[in-house]
C-alpha atoms as a PDB file:
ATOM      1  CA  MET A   1       7.426  35.511 -68.946  1.00  0.00           C
ATOM      2  CA  THR A   2       7.581  38.369 -71.409  1.00  0.00           C
ATOM      3  CA  LEU A   3      10.224  40.939 -70.628  1.00  0.00           C
ATOM      4  CA  ASP A   4      10.434  44.540 -71.749  1.00  0.00           C
ATOM      5  CA  VAL A   5      12.592  47.421 -70.568  1.00  0.00           C
ATOM      6  CA  GLY A   6      10.852  48.681 -67.431  1.00  0.00           C
ATOM      7  CA  SER A   7       9.379  45.285 -66.508  1.00  0.00           C
ATOM      8  CA  THR A   8       9.456  44.635 -62.782  1.00  0.00           C
ATOM      9  CA  LEU A   9      10.147  41.170 -61.493  1.00  0.00           C
ATOM     10  CA  VAL A  10       8.051  39.445 -58.831  1.00  0.00           C
ATOM     11  CA  VAL A  11       9.246  40.481 -55.368  1.00  0.00           C
ATOM     12  CA  ARG A  12      10.978  37.612 -53.561  1.00  0.00           C
ATOM     13  CA  GLU A  13      10.786  37.725 -49.751  1.00  0.00           C
ATOM     14  CA  PHE A  14      13.095  36.066 -47.243  1.00  0.00           C
ATOM     15  CA  GLY A  15      12.730  36.078 -43.494  1.00  0.00           C
ATOM     16  CA  PRO A  16      12.230  37.199 -40.938  1.00  0.00           C
ATOM     17  CA  VAL A  17      15.981  37.041 -40.254  1.00  0.00           C
ATOM     18  CA  THR A  18      16.783  34.909 -37.220  1.00  0.00           C
ATOM     19  CA  LEU A  19      19.922  34.427 -35.170  1.00  0.00           C
ATOM     20  CA  GLU A  20      19.896  30.818 -36.365  1.00  0.00           C
ATOM     21  CA  ALA A  21      19.988  31.971 -40.020  1.00  0.00           C
ATOM     22  CA  ILE A  22      22.906  34.306 -39.259  1.00  0.00           C
ATOM     23  CA  VAL A  23      24.851  31.545 -37.493  1.00  0.00           C
ATOM     24  CA  ARG A  24      24.108  29.076 -40.299  1.00  0.00           C
ATOM     25  CA  TYR A  25      25.347  31.606 -42.849  1.00  0.00           C
ATOM     26  CA  ALA A  26      28.495  32.101 -40.747  1.00  0.00           C
ATOM     27  CA  GLY A  27      29.107  28.354 -40.937  1.00  0.00           C
ATOM     28  CA  ALA A  28      28.524  28.248 -44.681  1.00  0.00           C
ATOM     29  CA  SER A  29      30.633  31.314 -45.454  1.00  0.00           C
ATOM     30  CA  GLY A  30      33.311  31.121 -42.781  1.00  0.00           C
ATOM     31  CA  ASP A  31      32.458  34.654 -41.555  1.00  0.00           C
ATOM     32  CA  PHE A  32      32.547  34.091 -37.790  1.00  0.00           C
ATOM     33  CA  ASN A  33      32.927  37.738 -36.775  1.00  0.00           C
ATOM     34  CA  SER A  34      31.397  37.896 -33.277  1.00  0.00           C
ATOM     35  CA  ILE A  35      29.551  41.091 -34.168  1.00  0.00           C
ATOM     36  CA  HIS A  36      27.047  38.945 -36.071  1.00  0.00           C
ATOM     37  CA  TYR A  37      26.032  36.563 -33.279  1.00  0.00           C
ATOM     38  CA  ASP A  38      27.352  37.803 -29.890  1.00  0.00           C
ATOM     39  CA  GLU A  39      24.997  40.468 -28.496  1.00  0.00           C
ATOM     40  CA  LYS A  40      27.446  41.769 -25.881  1.00  0.00           C
ATOM     41  CA  PHE A  41      30.268  42.006 -28.415  1.00  0.00           C
ATOM     42  CA  ALA A  42      28.026  43.905 -30.891  1.00  0.00           C
ATOM     43  CA  GLU A  43      26.966  46.332 -28.155  1.00  0.00           C
ATOM     44  CA  SER A  44      30.593  46.864 -27.063  1.00  0.00           C
ATOM     45  CA  ALA A  45      31.372  47.791 -30.690  1.00  0.00           C
ATOM     46  CA  GLY A  46      28.658  50.478 -30.593  1.00  0.00           C
ATOM     47  CA  TYR A  47      25.814  48.622 -32.304  1.00  0.00           C
ATOM     48  CA  PRO A  48      22.371  48.221 -30.748  1.00  0.00           C
ATOM     49  CA  ALA A  49      22.333  44.482 -31.513  1.00  0.00           C
ATOM     50  CA  VAL A  50      23.829  41.796 -33.716  1.00  0.00           C
ATOM     51  CA  PHE A  51      23.247  42.118 -37.451  1.00  0.00           C
ATOM     52  CA  ALA A  52      23.459  39.869 -40.505  1.00  0.00           C
ATOM     53  CA  GLN A  53      26.559  39.569 -42.648  1.00  0.00           C
ATOM     54  CA  GLY A  54      26.297  41.795 -45.713  1.00  0.00           C
ATOM     55  CA  MET A  55      27.091  38.884 -47.965  1.00  0.00           C
ATOM     56  CA  MET A  56      24.074  37.026 -46.561  1.00  0.00           C
ATOM     57  CA  GLN A  57      21.633  39.449 -48.178  1.00  0.00           C
ATOM     58  CA  ALA A  58      23.770  39.467 -51.333  1.00  0.00           C
ATOM     59  CA  ALA A  59      23.465  35.676 -51.450  1.00  0.00           C
ATOM     60  CA  LEU A  60      19.697  35.869 -50.974  1.00  0.00           C
ATOM     61  CA  LEU A  61      19.460  38.427 -53.784  1.00  0.00           C
ATOM     62  CA  GLY A  62      21.524  36.100 -55.984  1.00  0.00           C
ATOM     63  CA  THR A  63      19.024  33.359 -55.183  1.00  0.00           C
ATOM     64  CA  ALA A  64      16.193  35.630 -56.328  1.00  0.00           C
ATOM     65  CA  VAL A  65      18.020  36.407 -59.592  1.00  0.00           C
ATOM     66  CA  VAL A  66      18.424  32.735 -60.515  1.00  0.00           C
ATOM     67  CA  GLU A  67      14.794  32.068 -59.535  1.00  0.00           C
ATOM     68  CA  TRP A  68      13.642  34.914 -61.806  1.00  0.00           C
ATOM     69  CA  PHE A  69      15.593  33.453 -64.749  1.00  0.00           C
ATOM     70  CA  PRO A  70      15.649  29.653 -64.424  1.00  0.00           C
ATOM     71  CA  GLY A  71      17.885  27.973 -66.978  1.00  0.00           C
ATOM     72  CA  ALA A  72      19.639  31.225 -67.878  1.00  0.00           C
ATOM     73  CA  SER A  73      23.256  32.163 -67.157  1.00  0.00           C
ATOM     74  CA  VAL A  74      24.144  34.993 -64.814  1.00  0.00           C
ATOM     75  CA  ARG A  75      26.978  36.860 -66.578  1.00  0.00           C
ATOM     76  CA  THR A  76      27.563  39.599 -64.020  1.00  0.00           C
ATOM     77  CA  PHE A  77      26.259  40.316 -60.528  1.00  0.00           C
ATOM     78  CA  GLY A  78      27.392  43.246 -58.415  1.00  0.00           C
ATOM     79  CA  VAL A  79      26.044  44.844 -55.271  1.00  0.00           C
ATOM     80  CA  ARG A  80      26.651  47.758 -52.954  1.00  0.00           C
ATOM     81  CA  PHE A  81      25.871  47.522 -49.254  1.00  0.00           C
ATOM     82  CA  ARG A  82      23.682  50.344 -47.922  1.00  0.00           C
ATOM     83  CA  ASP A  83      22.488  49.427 -44.402  1.00  0.00           C
ATOM     84  CA  GLN A  84      22.565  46.693 -41.789  1.00  0.00           C
ATOM     85  CA  VAL A  85      20.040  43.875 -41.647  1.00  0.00           C
ATOM     86  CA  TRP A  86      18.793  43.281 -38.107  1.00  0.00           C
ATOM     87  CA  LEU A  87      17.112  40.335 -36.432  1.00  0.00           C
ATOM     88  CA  ASN A  88      13.439  40.026 -37.413  1.00  0.00           C
ATOM     89  CA  ASP A  89      13.860  42.037 -40.627  1.00  0.00           C
ATOM     90  CA  THR A  90      12.073  40.621 -43.650  1.00  0.00           C
ATOM     91  CA  LEU A  91      14.087  41.064 -46.839  1.00  0.00           C
ATOM     92  CA  CYS A  92      12.360  41.948 -50.107  1.00  0.00           C
ATOM     93  CA  CYS A  93      14.378  41.378 -53.284  1.00  0.00           C
ATOM     94  CA  ARG A  94      13.342  43.466 -56.288  1.00  0.00           C
ATOM     95  CA  GLY A  95      14.425  43.712 -59.883  1.00  0.00           C
ATOM     96  CA  THR A  96      13.665  45.957 -62.858  1.00  0.00           C
ATOM     97  CA  VAL A  97      14.712  45.310 -66.457  1.00  0.00           C
ATOM     98  CA  THR A  98      16.868  48.196 -67.689  1.00  0.00           C
ATOM     99  CA  ALA A  99      18.102  46.814 -71.021  1.00  0.00           C
ATOM    100  CA  ILE A 100      17.599  43.906 -73.416  1.00  0.00           C
ATOM    101  CA  GLU A 101      20.250  43.277 -76.052  1.00  0.00           C
ATOM    102  CA  PRO A 102      19.850  40.591 -78.722  1.00  0.00           C
ATOM    103  CA  THR A 103      22.883  38.312 -79.098  1.00  0.00           C
ATOM    104  CA  ASP A 104      23.713  35.238 -81.109  1.00  0.00           C
ATOM    105  CA  GLY A 105      21.586  32.490 -79.656  1.00  0.00           C
ATOM    106  CA  GLY A 106      19.492  34.634 -77.324  1.00  0.00           C
ATOM    107  CA  SER A 107      19.599  37.918 -75.503  1.00  0.00           C
ATOM    108  CA  VAL A 108      21.309  39.610 -72.578  1.00  0.00           C
ATOM    109  CA  VAL A 109      18.950  41.152 -70.039  1.00  0.00           C
ATOM    110  CA  THR A 110      20.300  43.798 -67.659  1.00  0.00           C
ATOM    111  CA  ILE A 111      18.426  44.292 -64.423  1.00  0.00           C
ATOM    112  CA  GLU A 112      18.730  46.791 -61.616  1.00  0.00           C
ATOM    113  CA  VAL A 113      18.362  44.899 -58.341  1.00  0.00           C
ATOM    114  CA  GLY A 114      17.904  45.785 -54.723  1.00  0.00           C
ATOM    115  CA  VAL A 115      16.941  44.559 -51.293  1.00  0.00           C
ATOM    116  CA  THR A 116      14.793  46.410 -48.801  1.00  0.00           C
ATOM    117  CA  ALA A 117      14.261  45.419 -45.194  1.00  0.00           C
ATOM    118  CA  THR A 118      10.977  45.750 -43.379  1.00  0.00           C
ATOM    119  CA  PRO A 119       9.830  47.126 -41.117  1.00  0.00           C
ATOM    120  CA  GLY A 120      10.651  50.541 -42.510  1.00  0.00           C
ATOM    121  CA  GLU A 121      11.417  49.691 -46.142  1.00  0.00           C
ATOM    122  CA  ARG A 122      15.107  50.500 -45.583  1.00  0.00           C
ATOM    123  CA  VAL A 123      17.278  50.008 -48.657  1.00  0.00           C
ATOM    124  CA  VAL A 124      19.999  47.594 -47.531  1.00  0.00           C
ATOM    125  CA  LEU A 125      21.512  46.559 -50.869  1.00  0.00           C
ATOM    126  CA  THR A 126      21.538  47.863 -54.450  1.00  0.00           C
ATOM    127  CA  GLY A 127      23.149  46.523 -57.573  1.00  0.00           C
ATOM    128  CA  ALA A 128      22.826  45.183 -61.086  1.00  0.00           C
ATOM    129  CA  ALA A 129      23.038  41.894 -62.948  1.00  0.00           C
ATOM    130  CA  GLU A 130      23.308  40.725 -66.555  1.00  0.00           C
ATOM    131  CA  ILE A 131      21.599  37.506 -67.528  1.00  0.00           C
ATOM    132  CA  LYS A 132      22.106  35.587 -70.784  1.00  0.00           C
ATOM    133  CA  ILE A 133      18.826  34.074 -71.905  1.00  0.00           C
ATOM    134  CA  PRO A 134      19.087  31.472 -74.687  1.00  0.00           C
ATOM    135  CA  ASP A 135      16.735  31.486 -77.676  1.00  0.00           C
ATOM    136  CA  GLY A 136      13.677  29.328 -77.095  1.00  0.00           C
ATOM    137  CA  SER A 137      13.789  29.879 -73.350  1.00  0.00           C
ATOM    138  CA  THR A 138      10.487  30.233 -71.537  1.00  0.00           C
ATOM    139  CA  ASN A 139      11.800  33.427 -69.923  1.00  0.00           C
END
């Protein structure tokens, strides 16, 4: 793939989010807060329903980043949580190249990243990442 500042990366979709996916993520991460899988508990806390762990969508976005740049090294990855992810949401991971800096042995690509949830195209996560791409890479 040829990259230039302003290039957009292919949208990567995950979902729809299921209760099973939330519970599996709880097992993998150790985040067993009842608000994520117990409907009555979530409602008693003032939420309309259970919702996914914020780190779940961050992990899915991280998956998209490494898929966009296979064989490269992720140098930095940071996110900011913006909204809850509810059951049946489909998550769309997006990325835009904001900088390309040549380095010894390759280049460092900076991308602005984000996740939206549909229906509604709600922004649920924003952030940025730096990826080190070696010379001769197919990226």
